[in-house]
Amino acid sequence: MVNICGIEFKNPIIIASGPGGNGQELAKYIDLNKLGGFTAKTVTPDEKEGNPPPRIVNVKAGILNSIGLQNPGIDKFIEDDLNFLDSLDTNVILSIGGDKKEDYLNLIERLNDSKAVIFELNLSCPNVGKNGIPLGIDKEGIYLLVKEAKKISKKPIFIKLGVETFLEDLVESAVKGGVDGVTLINSPKGLKIDINTGKPILKRAVGGFSGPAIKPIALATVYRIRKVFRDLPIIGMGGVFTFEDAIEFIMAGANLVGIGAGVMSDPERPINIIKELEEYFKVHDYQKIFNCALEG
């Protein structure tokens, strides 16, 4: 059992936002209640159709995706998905996104009375902050968003970031704003070109790169943030396909471990990892494993 922000998680494994949809599809294959937590797909104020196909391209040791935050918008989400999520006997995290600060604040107000335990602000997509700077790399914008979100939110606020060069500065701004935790990492950007046409295969050229190949990058990112922010709750993810991967993330300083692309290739993977972790922690102390990053 893991406790962060006063919330008890029955195990450290959660589903990352996106691959599991809003749960109803994945629930046909696994018992979601056995998970430590489930993160819903990012919801936005209005419906988003997403990007034109092809949206997923296989590459060595991973995939490129260009989904484009496809979702039905907040009204349909509340109508079609929220009751199901509220009925789950596990911790639900709601991922929210928008084009400007006000979008995030309005979504928090609309979802404040749900049974979800955490709001995850998706700042890694092309949201725009002050002076047209993408919100995910705008220190002042992150500070102001988190500060105002904390004033109205009934739940802890996490922000989801990528592998930006000045990540420590961005996290510091969020901490000053009162953020409760961070989710690391969102997919780094990748490209695949058709050598017969000389053009990118994805219609928008660049897409999110996920899969086993990004795990070292994700681990390094979690580790560097844990070294600076020793008490900040971290949800770590990126290339988790085995229970050994999950252990590495905990050793790097992640309190919880998210599974994304791994669910797409095998819906039963999260439950199998949980079972193997239960056996592992029968002979290993979770806190000692987690302290590796702090002591190393």
C-alpha atoms as a PDB file:
ATOM      1  CA  MET A   1       0.000   0.000   0.000  1.00  0.00           C
ATOM      2  CA  VAL A   2       1.230   3.483  -0.927  1.00  0.00           C
ATOM      3  CA  ASN A   3       0.131   6.748   0.660  1.00  0.00           C
ATOM      4  CA  ILE A   4       0.519  10.058  -1.160  1.00  0.00           C
ATOM      5  CA  CYS A   5      -1.304  13.297  -0.353  1.00  0.00           C
ATOM      6  CA  GLY A   6      -3.168  11.396   2.353  1.00  0.00           C
ATOM      7  CA  ILE A   7      -4.628   9.017  -0.242  1.00  0.00           C
ATOM      8  CA  GLU A   8      -4.183   5.265   0.169  1.00  0.00           C
ATOM      9  CA  PHE A   9      -3.315   3.339  -3.012  1.00  0.00           C
ATOM     10  CA  LYS A  10      -3.703  -0.449  -2.688  1.00  0.00           C
ATOM     11  CA  ASN A  11      -0.593  -0.891  -4.857  1.00  0.00           C
ATOM     12  CA  PRO A  12       1.744   1.436  -6.795  1.00  0.00           C
ATOM     13  CA  ILE A  13       0.456   0.562 -10.292  1.00  0.00           C
ATOM     14  CA  ILE A  14      -1.871   2.914 -12.132  1.00  0.00           C
ATOM     15  CA  ILE A  15      -3.021   3.208 -15.726  1.00  0.00           C
ATOM     16  CA  ALA A  16      -1.616   6.290 -17.450  1.00  0.00           C
ATOM     17  CA  SER A  17      -3.944   8.700 -19.207  1.00  0.00           C
ATOM     18  CA  GLY A  18      -4.802   7.724 -22.761  1.00  0.00           C
ATOM     19  CA  PRO A  19      -4.323   4.036 -23.597  1.00  0.00           C
ATOM     20  CA  GLY A  20      -7.024   2.862 -21.180  1.00  0.00           C
ATOM     21  CA  GLY A  21      -9.602   5.313 -22.522  1.00  0.00           C
ATOM     22  CA  ASN A  22     -12.120   6.120 -19.823  1.00  0.00           C
ATOM     23  CA  GLY A  23     -12.119   2.615 -18.443  1.00  0.00           C
ATOM     24  CA  GLN A  24     -15.210   0.987 -19.862  1.00  0.00           C
ATOM     25  CA  GLU A  25     -13.373  -0.623 -22.769  1.00  0.00           C
ATOM     26  CA  LEU A  26     -10.478  -1.859 -20.626  1.00  0.00           C
ATOM     27  CA  ALA A  27     -12.889  -3.196 -18.001  1.00  0.00           C
ATOM     28  CA  LYS A  28     -13.936  -5.865 -20.509  1.00  0.00           C
ATOM     29  CA  TYR A  29     -10.472  -7.421 -20.173  1.00  0.00           C
ATOM     30  CA  ILE A  30      -9.313  -6.779 -16.599  1.00  0.00           C
ATOM     31  CA  ASP A  31     -10.738  -5.949 -13.194  1.00  0.00           C
ATOM     32  CA  LEU A  32      -9.915  -2.265 -12.822  1.00  0.00           C
ATOM     33  CA  ASN A  33     -10.583  -2.476  -9.095  1.00  0.00           C
ATOM     34  CA  LYS A  34      -7.346  -4.442  -8.651  1.00  0.00           C
ATOM     35  CA  LEU A  35      -5.324  -1.461  -9.855  1.00  0.00           C
ATOM     36  CA  GLY A  36      -3.733   1.050  -7.546  1.00  0.00           C
ATOM     37  CA  GLY A  37      -5.394   3.695  -9.663  1.00  0.00           C
ATOM     38  CA  PHE A  38      -6.806   4.561 -13.069  1.00  0.00           C
ATOM     39  CA  THR A  39      -6.195   7.782 -14.986  1.00  0.00           C
ATOM     40  CA  ALA A  40      -8.919   8.750 -17.422  1.00  0.00           C
ATOM     41  CA  LYS A  41      -8.200  10.060 -20.887  1.00  0.00           C
ATOM     42  CA  THR A  42      -7.597  13.806 -21.002  1.00  0.00           C
ATOM     43  CA  VAL A  43     -10.865  15.720 -21.223  1.00  0.00           C
ATOM     44  CA  THR A  44     -11.145  19.215 -22.691  1.00  0.00           C
ATOM     45  CA  PRO A  45     -13.918  21.824 -22.602  1.00  0.00           C
ATOM     46  CA  ASP A  46     -15.110  21.032 -26.129  1.00  0.00           C
ATOM     47  CA  GLU A  47     -15.055  17.933 -28.271  1.00  0.00           C
ATOM     48  CA  LYS A  48     -11.813  17.236 -30.129  1.00  0.00           C
ATOM     49  CA  GLU A  49     -11.885  15.004 -33.193  1.00  0.00           C
ATOM     50  CA  GLY A  50      -8.169  14.368 -32.979  1.00  0.00           C
ATOM     51  CA  ASN A  51      -5.604  14.243 -35.735  1.00  0.00           C
ATOM     52  CA  PRO A  52      -6.108  12.692 -39.197  1.00  0.00           C
ATOM     53  CA  PRO A  53      -4.917   9.083 -39.738  1.00  0.00           C
ATOM     54  CA  PRO A  54      -2.556   7.377 -39.644  1.00  0.00           C
ATOM     55  CA  ARG A  55      -2.379   7.967 -35.899  1.00  0.00           C
ATOM     56  CA  ILE A  56      -0.118   5.135 -34.785  1.00  0.00           C
ATOM     57  CA  VAL A  57       3.112   4.005 -36.422  1.00  0.00           C
ATOM     58  CA  ASN A  58       5.275   1.129 -35.234  1.00  0.00           C
ATOM     59  CA  VAL A  59       8.964   1.920 -34.817  1.00  0.00           C
ATOM     60  CA  LYS A  60      11.841  -0.024 -33.296  1.00  0.00           C
ATOM     61  CA  ALA A  61      11.241  -0.608 -29.567  1.00  0.00           C
ATOM     62  CA  GLY A  62       8.144   1.568 -29.492  1.00  0.00           C
ATOM     63  CA  ILE A  63       5.360   3.382 -31.299  1.00  0.00           C
ATOM     64  CA  LEU A  64       4.674   6.888 -32.545  1.00  0.00           C
ATOM     65  CA  ASN A  65       1.196   8.204 -31.929  1.00  0.00           C
ATOM     66  CA  SER A  66      -0.645  11.272 -33.108  1.00  0.00           C
ATOM     67  CA  ILE A  67      -4.047  10.948 -31.479  1.00  0.00           C
ATOM     68  CA  GLY A  68      -4.449  14.648 -30.764  1.00  0.00           C
ATOM     69  CA  LEU A  69      -6.339  14.471 -27.448  1.00  0.00           C
ATOM     70  CA  GLN A  70      -9.439  13.071 -29.142  1.00  0.00           C
ATOM     71  CA  ASN A  71     -12.281  13.243 -26.619  1.00  0.00           C
ATOM     72  CA  PRO A  72     -16.019  14.060 -26.529  1.00  0.00           C
ATOM     73  CA  GLY A  73     -15.663  17.202 -24.411  1.00  0.00           C
ATOM     74  CA  ILE A  74     -16.677  17.785 -20.807  1.00  0.00           C
ATOM     75  CA  ASP A  75     -20.471  17.587 -21.267  1.00  0.00           C
ATOM     76  CA  LYS A  76     -20.408  14.156 -22.918  1.00  0.00           C
ATOM     77  CA  PHE A  77     -17.695  12.980 -20.521  1.00  0.00           C
ATOM     78  CA  ILE A  78     -19.909  13.763 -17.549  1.00  0.00           C
ATOM     79  CA  GLU A  79     -22.910  12.180 -19.271  1.00  0.00           C
ATOM     80  CA  ASP A  80     -21.257   9.008 -20.565  1.00  0.00           C
ATOM     81  CA  ASP A  81     -18.160   8.274 -18.477  1.00  0.00           C
ATOM     82  CA  LEU A  82     -18.129   9.922 -15.076  1.00  0.00           C
ATOM     83  CA  ASN A  83     -20.683   7.642 -13.412  1.00  0.00           C
ATOM     84  CA  PHE A  84     -18.671   4.590 -14.436  1.00  0.00           C
ATOM     85  CA  LEU A  85     -15.443   6.099 -13.124  1.00  0.00           C
ATOM     86  CA  ASP A  86     -17.144   7.095  -9.874  1.00  0.00           C
ATOM     87  CA  SER A  87     -18.333   3.505  -9.426  1.00  0.00           C
ATOM     88  CA  LEU A  88     -14.832   2.022  -9.447  1.00  0.00           C
ATOM     89  CA  ASP A  89     -13.331   0.656  -6.247  1.00  0.00           C
ATOM     90  CA  THR A  90      -9.948   2.146  -7.000  1.00  0.00           C
ATOM     91  CA  ASN A  91      -8.463   5.637  -7.049  1.00  0.00           C
ATOM     92  CA  VAL A  92      -9.434   7.586 -10.148  1.00  0.00           C
ATOM     93  CA  ILE A  93      -7.294  10.413 -11.492  1.00  0.00           C
ATOM     94  CA  LEU A  94      -8.920  12.862 -13.887  1.00  0.00           C
ATOM     95  CA  SER A  95      -6.675  14.284 -16.594  1.00  0.00           C
ATOM     96  CA  ILE A  96      -7.741  17.685 -17.881  1.00  0.00           C
ATOM     97  CA  GLY A  97      -6.446  19.832 -20.707  1.00  0.00           C
ATOM     98  CA  GLY A  98      -7.191  23.089 -22.437  1.00  0.00           C
ATOM     99  CA  ASP A  99      -5.974  25.915 -24.599  1.00  0.00           C
ATOM    100  CA  LYS A 100      -5.717  28.476 -21.808  1.00  0.00           C
ATOM    101  CA  LYS A 101      -5.684  28.773 -18.025  1.00  0.00           C
ATOM    102  CA  GLU A 102      -9.416  29.431 -17.796  1.00  0.00           C
ATOM    103  CA  ASP A 103     -10.148  26.098 -19.491  1.00  0.00           C
ATOM    104  CA  TYR A 104      -8.403  24.195 -16.714  1.00  0.00           C
ATOM    105  CA  LEU A 105     -10.126  26.174 -13.978  1.00  0.00           C
ATOM    106  CA  ASN A 106     -13.563  25.660 -15.504  1.00  0.00           C
ATOM    107  CA  LEU A 107     -12.980  21.914 -15.833  1.00  0.00           C
ATOM    108  CA  ILE A 108     -11.903  21.687 -12.196  1.00  0.00           C
ATOM    109  CA  GLU A 109     -15.119  23.401 -11.138  1.00  0.00           C
ATOM    110  CA  ARG A 110     -17.202  21.061 -13.297  1.00  0.00           C
ATOM    111  CA  LEU A 111     -15.507  17.949 -11.888  1.00  0.00           C
ATOM    112  CA  ASN A 112     -14.886  19.012  -8.310  1.00  0.00           C
ATOM    113  CA  ASP A 113     -17.704  16.906  -6.892  1.00  0.00           C
ATOM    114  CA  SER A 114     -16.684  13.694  -8.644  1.00  0.00           C
ATOM    115  CA  LYS A 115     -15.236  10.831  -6.601  1.00  0.00           C
ATOM    116  CA  ALA A 116     -11.856  11.179  -8.305  1.00  0.00           C
ATOM    117  CA  VAL A 117      -8.928  11.671  -5.928  1.00  0.00           C
ATOM    118  CA  ILE A 118      -6.534  13.768  -8.033  1.00  0.00           C
ATOM    119  CA  PHE A 119      -6.676  16.264 -10.884  1.00  0.00           C
ATOM    120  CA  GLU A 120      -3.808  15.819 -13.348  1.00  0.00           C
ATOM    121  CA  LEU A 121      -3.236  18.925 -15.449  1.00  0.00           C
ATOM    122  CA  ASN A 122      -1.906  17.851 -18.826  1.00  0.00           C
ATOM    123  CA  LEU A 123       0.570  20.604 -19.685  1.00  0.00           C
ATOM    124  CA  SER A 124       2.660  18.699 -22.208  1.00  0.00           C
ATOM    125  CA  CYS A 125       0.404  19.263 -25.180  1.00  0.00           C
ATOM    126  CA  PRO A 126       0.323  22.519 -27.162  1.00  0.00           C
ATOM    127  CA  ASN A 127      -1.523  24.630 -24.623  1.00  0.00           C
ATOM    128  CA  VAL A 128      -0.718  28.317 -24.884  1.00  0.00           C
ATOM    129  CA  GLY A 129       0.231  30.503 -21.936  1.00  0.00           C
ATOM    130  CA  LYS A 130       1.189  34.144 -21.649  1.00  0.00           C
ATOM    131  CA  ASN A 131       2.555  35.780 -24.820  1.00  0.00           C
ATOM    132  CA  GLY A 132       1.888  32.633 -26.833  1.00  0.00           C
ATOM    133  CA  ILE A 133       4.425  30.522 -24.912  1.00  0.00           C
ATOM    134  CA  PRO A 134       3.278  26.888 -24.597  1.00  0.00           C
ATOM    135  CA  LEU A 135       1.948  26.570 -21.060  1.00  0.00           C
ATOM    136  CA  GLY A 136       4.047  23.469 -20.388  1.00  0.00           C
ATOM    137  CA  ILE A 137       7.277  25.483 -20.665  1.00  0.00           C
ATOM    138  CA  ASP A 138       6.020  28.798 -19.282  1.00  0.00           C
ATOM    139  CA  LYS A 139       7.263  29.138 -15.692  1.00  0.00           C
ATOM    140  CA  GLU A 140       5.013  32.061 -14.836  1.00  0.00           C
ATOM    141  CA  GLY A 141       2.050  30.461 -16.560  1.00  0.00           C
ATOM    142  CA  ILE A 142       2.480  27.217 -14.608  1.00  0.00           C
ATOM    143  CA  TYR A 143       2.809  29.124 -11.336  1.00  0.00           C
ATOM    144  CA  LEU A 144      -0.359  31.140 -11.927  1.00  0.00           C
ATOM    145  CA  LEU A 145      -2.352  28.143 -13.152  1.00  0.00           C
ATOM    146  CA  VAL A 146      -1.427  25.982 -10.173  1.00  0.00           C
ATOM    147  CA  LYS A 147      -1.965  28.837  -7.708  1.00  0.00           C
ATOM    148  CA  GLU A 148      -5.461  29.533  -9.014  1.00  0.00           C
ATOM    149  CA  ALA A 149      -6.313  25.853  -9.381  1.00  0.00           C
ATOM    150  CA  LYS A 150      -5.410  25.244  -5.754  1.00  0.00           C
ATOM    151  CA  LYS A 151      -7.818  27.976  -4.662  1.00  0.00           C
ATOM    152  CA  ILE A 152     -10.830  26.194  -6.131  1.00  0.00           C
ATOM    153  CA  SER A 153      -9.878  22.510  -6.262  1.00  0.00           C
ATOM    154  CA  LYS A 154     -11.269  20.052  -3.727  1.00  0.00           C
ATOM    155  CA  LYS A 155      -8.625  17.538  -4.774  1.00  0.00           C
ATOM    156  CA  PRO A 156      -4.809  17.466  -4.960  1.00  0.00           C
ATOM    157  CA  ILE A 157      -3.338  18.993  -8.126  1.00  0.00           C
ATOM    158  CA  PHE A 158      -0.666  17.201 -10.152  1.00  0.00           C
ATOM    159  CA  ILE A 159       0.897  18.511 -13.350  1.00  0.00           C
ATOM    160  CA  LYS A 160       2.057  16.277 -16.187  1.00  0.00           C
ATOM    161  CA  LEU A 161       5.258  17.359 -17.919  1.00  0.00           C
ATOM    162  CA  GLY A 162       7.648  16.041 -20.530  1.00  0.00           C
ATOM    163  CA  VAL A 163      11.443  16.093 -20.686  1.00  0.00           C
ATOM    164  CA  GLU A 164      11.992  19.824 -21.059  1.00  0.00           C
ATOM    165  CA  THR A 165      15.573  21.084 -20.591  1.00  0.00           C
ATOM    166  CA  PHE A 166      14.664  23.396 -17.718  1.00  0.00           C
ATOM    167  CA  LEU A 167      12.347  20.926 -16.056  1.00  0.00           C
ATOM    168  CA  GLU A 168      13.605  21.697 -12.554  1.00  0.00           C
ATOM    169  CA  ASP A 169      12.657  25.356 -13.027  1.00  0.00           C
ATOM    170  CA  LEU A 170       9.175  24.407 -14.246  1.00  0.00           C
ATOM    171  CA  VAL A 171       8.612  22.094 -11.300  1.00  0.00           C
ATOM    172  CA  GLU A 172       9.902  24.769  -8.916  1.00  0.00           C
ATOM    173  CA  SER A 173       7.335  27.206 -10.316  1.00  0.00           C
ATOM    174  CA  ALA A 174       4.591  24.643  -9.776  1.00  0.00           C
ATOM    175  CA  VAL A 175       5.784  23.984  -6.217  1.00  0.00           C
ATOM    176  CA  LYS A 176       5.694  27.710  -5.474  1.00  0.00           C
ATOM    177  CA  GLY A 177       2.129  27.703  -6.767  1.00  0.00           C
ATOM    178  CA  GLY A 178       1.244  24.923  -4.339  1.00  0.00           C
ATOM    179  CA  VAL A 179       1.256  21.864  -6.591  1.00  0.00           C
ATOM    180  CA  ASP A 180       0.749  18.541  -4.796  1.00  0.00           C
ATOM    181  CA  GLY A 181       2.741  16.362  -7.198  1.00  0.00           C
ATOM    182  CA  VAL A 182       4.042  15.805 -10.718  1.00  0.00           C
ATOM    183  CA  THR A 183       3.560  13.140 -13.375  1.00  0.00           C
ATOM    184  CA  LEU A 184       6.664  12.313 -15.424  1.00  0.00           C
ATOM    185  CA  ILE A 185       7.003  11.823 -18.306  1.00  0.00           C
ATOM    186  CA  ASN A 186       4.646  12.574 -21.116  1.00  0.00           C
ATOM    187  CA  SER A 187       5.765  11.116 -24.429  1.00  0.00           C
ATOM    188  CA  PRO A 188       8.838  12.731 -25.989  1.00  0.00           C
ATOM    189  CA  LYS A 189       8.482  13.710 -29.630  1.00  0.00           C
ATOM    190  CA  GLY A 190       9.488  11.402 -32.472  1.00  0.00           C
ATOM    191  CA  LEU A 191       9.445  11.220 -36.272  1.00  0.00           C
ATOM    192  CA  LYS A 192       9.357   8.492 -38.916  1.00  0.00           C
ATOM    193  CA  ILE A 193       9.850   9.193 -42.615  1.00  0.00           C
ATOM    194  CA  ASP A 194       8.693   7.116 -45.559  1.00  0.00           C
ATOM    195  CA  ILE A 195      11.875   6.686 -47.603  1.00  0.00           C
ATOM    196  CA  ASN A 196       9.825   6.095 -50.771  1.00  0.00           C
ATOM    197  CA  THR A 197       8.079   9.461 -50.605  1.00  0.00           C
ATOM    198  CA  GLY A 198      10.487  11.424 -48.456  1.00  0.00           C
ATOM    199  CA  LYS A 199       7.552  12.565 -46.325  1.00  0.00           C
ATOM    200  CA  PRO A 200       6.727  11.934 -42.652  1.00  0.00           C
ATOM    201  CA  ILE A 201       4.287   9.061 -42.203  1.00  0.00           C
ATOM    202  CA  LEU A 202       2.196  10.898 -39.610  1.00  0.00           C
ATOM    203  CA  LYS A 203       0.077  13.664 -41.131  1.00  0.00           C
ATOM    204  CA  ARG A 204       1.328  16.109 -38.495  1.00  0.00           C
ATOM    205  CA  ALA A 205       4.877  14.793 -38.972  1.00  0.00           C
ATOM    206  CA  VAL A 206       5.904  14.586 -35.323  1.00  0.00           C
ATOM    207  CA  GLY A 207       4.131  12.390 -32.795  1.00  0.00           C
ATOM    208  CA  GLY A 208       4.506  11.139 -29.253  1.00  0.00           C
ATOM    209  CA  PHE A 209       7.101   8.374 -28.879  1.00  0.00           C
ATOM    210  CA  SER A 210       6.270   5.659 -26.356  1.00  0.00           C
ATOM    211  CA  GLY A 211       7.324   2.106 -25.582  1.00  0.00           C
ATOM    212  CA  PRO A 212      10.337   0.347 -24.057  1.00  0.00           C
ATOM    213  CA  ALA A 213      12.859   2.647 -25.747  1.00  0.00           C
ATOM    214  CA  ILE A 214      11.865   5.691 -23.679  1.00  0.00           C
ATOM    215  CA  LYS A 215      12.288   4.024 -20.279  1.00  0.00           C
ATOM    216  CA  PRO A 216      15.900   5.201 -19.690  1.00  0.00           C
ATOM    217  CA  ILE A 217      14.834   8.767 -20.511  1.00  0.00           C
ATOM    218  CA  ALA A 218      11.839   8.563 -18.187  1.00  0.00           C
ATOM    219  CA  LEU A 219      13.894   7.022 -15.385  1.00  0.00           C
ATOM    220  CA  ALA A 220      16.547   9.712 -15.671  1.00  0.00           C
ATOM    221  CA  THR A 221      13.873  12.418 -15.568  1.00  0.00           C
ATOM    222  CA  VAL A 222      12.192  11.007 -12.458  1.00  0.00           C
ATOM    223  CA  TYR A 223      15.603  10.562 -10.802  1.00  0.00           C
ATOM    224  CA  ARG A 224      16.756  14.137 -11.479  1.00  0.00           C
ATOM    225  CA  ILE A 225      13.500  15.615 -10.140  1.00  0.00           C
ATOM    226  CA  ARG A 226      13.540  13.381  -7.056  1.00  0.00           C
ATOM    227  CA  LYS A 227      17.076  14.524  -6.256  1.00  0.00           C
ATOM    228  CA  VAL A 228      15.949  18.157  -6.150  1.00  0.00           C
ATOM    229  CA  PHE A 229      12.419  17.759  -4.780  1.00  0.00           C
ATOM    230  CA  ARG A 230      12.873  15.119  -2.130  1.00  0.00           C
ATOM    231  CA  ASP A 231       9.362  15.215  -0.671  1.00  0.00           C
ATOM    232  CA  LEU A 232       7.307  15.895  -3.804  1.00  0.00           C
ATOM    233  CA  PRO A 233       4.998  13.024  -4.837  1.00  0.00           C
ATOM    234  CA  ILE A 234       5.916  11.718  -8.293  1.00  0.00           C
ATOM    235  CA  ILE A 235       3.970   9.480 -10.648  1.00  0.00           C
ATOM    236  CA  GLY A 236       6.594   7.946 -12.928  1.00  0.00           C
ATOM    237  CA  MET A 237       5.898   6.415 -16.321  1.00  0.00           C
ATOM    238  CA  GLY A 238       7.450   5.693 -19.671  1.00  0.00           C
ATOM    239  CA  GLY A 239       8.225   2.269 -21.113  1.00  0.00           C
ATOM    240  CA  VAL A 240       6.910   0.166 -18.223  1.00  0.00           C
ATOM    241  CA  PHE A 241       6.356  -3.355 -19.570  1.00  0.00           C
ATOM    242  CA  THR A 242       7.532  -5.597 -16.719  1.00  0.00           C
ATOM    243  CA  PHE A 243       7.514  -5.632 -12.934  1.00  0.00           C
ATOM    244  CA  GLU A 244      11.280  -5.049 -13.057  1.00  0.00           C
ATOM    245  CA  ASP A 245      10.581  -1.809 -14.945  1.00  0.00           C
ATOM    246  CA  ALA A 246       8.209  -0.754 -12.177  1.00  0.00           C
ATOM    247  CA  ILE A 247      10.831  -1.514  -9.522  1.00  0.00           C
ATOM    248  CA  GLU A 248      13.342   0.664 -11.373  1.00  0.00           C
ATOM    249  CA  PHE A 249      10.918   3.585 -11.344  1.00  0.00           C
ATOM    250  CA  ILE A 250      10.347   3.199  -7.608  1.00  0.00           C
ATOM    251  CA  MET A 251      14.108   3.048  -7.097  1.00  0.00           C
ATOM    252  CA  ALA A 252      14.449   6.217  -9.193  1.00  0.00           C
ATOM    253  CA  GLY A 253      12.047   8.007  -6.855  1.00  0.00           C
ATOM    254  CA  ALA A 254       8.533   7.429  -8.207  1.00  0.00           C
ATOM    255  CA  ASN A 255       5.819   6.934  -5.599  1.00  0.00           C
ATOM    256  CA  LEU A 256       3.420   5.475  -8.166  1.00  0.00           C
ATOM    257  CA  VAL A 257       4.139   3.875 -11.540  1.00  0.00           C
ATOM    258  CA  GLY A 258       1.987   4.398 -14.615  1.00  0.00           C
ATOM    259  CA  ILE A 259       1.542   1.954 -17.481  1.00  0.00           C
ATOM    260  CA  GLY A 260       0.650   3.373 -20.884  1.00  0.00           C
ATOM    261  CA  ALA A 261       1.819   1.741 -24.100  1.00  0.00           C
ATOM    262  CA  GLY A 262       2.140  -1.574 -22.260  1.00  0.00           C
ATOM    263  CA  VAL A 263      -1.645  -1.707 -21.902  1.00  0.00           C
ATOM    264  CA  MET A 264      -2.073  -1.322 -25.653  1.00  0.00           C
ATOM    265  CA  SER A 265       0.011  -4.397 -26.437  1.00  0.00           C
ATOM    266  CA  ASP A 266      -1.406  -6.504 -23.581  1.00  0.00           C
ATOM    267  CA  PRO A 267      -4.451  -5.348 -21.557  1.00  0.00           C
ATOM    268  CA  GLU A 268      -3.646  -7.899 -18.847  1.00  0.00           C
ATOM    269  CA  ARG A 269      -0.116  -6.568 -18.333  1.00  0.00           C
ATOM    270  CA  PRO A 270      -0.955  -4.240 -15.390  1.00  0.00           C
ATOM    271  CA  ILE A 271      -2.607  -7.050 -13.400  1.00  0.00           C
ATOM    272  CA  ASN A 272       0.289  -9.411 -14.094  1.00  0.00           C
ATOM    273  CA  ILE A 273       2.775  -6.755 -12.956  1.00  0.00           C
ATOM    274  CA  ILE A 274       0.775  -6.203  -9.757  1.00  0.00           C
ATOM    275  CA  LYS A 275       0.883  -9.925  -8.984  1.00  0.00           C
ATOM    276  CA  GLU A 276       4.636 -10.066  -9.524  1.00  0.00           C
ATOM    277  CA  LEU A 277       5.162  -6.960  -7.399  1.00  0.00           C
ATOM    278  CA  GLU A 278       3.192  -8.566  -4.564  1.00  0.00           C
ATOM    279  CA  GLU A 279       5.622 -11.489  -4.609  1.00  0.00           C
ATOM    280  CA  TYR A 280       8.619  -9.159  -4.829  1.00  0.00           C
ATOM    281  CA  PHE A 281       7.525  -7.064  -1.851  1.00  0.00           C
ATOM    282  CA  LYS A 282       7.042 -10.145   0.294  1.00  0.00           C
ATOM    283  CA  VAL A 283      10.827 -10.236   0.582  1.00  0.00           C
ATOM    284  CA  HIS A 284      11.752  -6.594  -0.150  1.00  0.00           C
ATOM    285  CA  ASP A 285      10.761  -3.493   1.796  1.00  0.00           C
ATOM    286  CA  TYR A 286       8.963  -0.920  -0.335  1.00  0.00           C
ATOM    287  CA  GLN A 287      10.265   2.053   1.631  1.00  0.00           C
ATOM    288  CA  LYS A 288      13.843   0.841   1.379  1.00  0.00           C
ATOM    289  CA  ILE A 289      13.454   0.432  -2.389  1.00  0.00           C
ATOM    290  CA  PHE A 290      11.918   3.892  -2.685  1.00  0.00           C
ATOM    291  CA  ASN A 291      14.738   5.436  -0.656  1.00  0.00           C
ATOM    292  CA  CYS A 292      17.350   4.328  -3.214  1.00  0.00           C
ATOM    293  CA  ALA A 293      17.116   7.636  -5.083  1.00  0.00           C
ATOM    294  CA  LEU A 294      17.303   9.670  -1.895  1.00  0.00           C
ATOM    295  CA  GLU A 295      20.327   7.810  -0.598  1.00  0.00           C
ATOM    296  CA  GLY A 296      22.181   7.293  -3.880  1.00  0.00           C
END
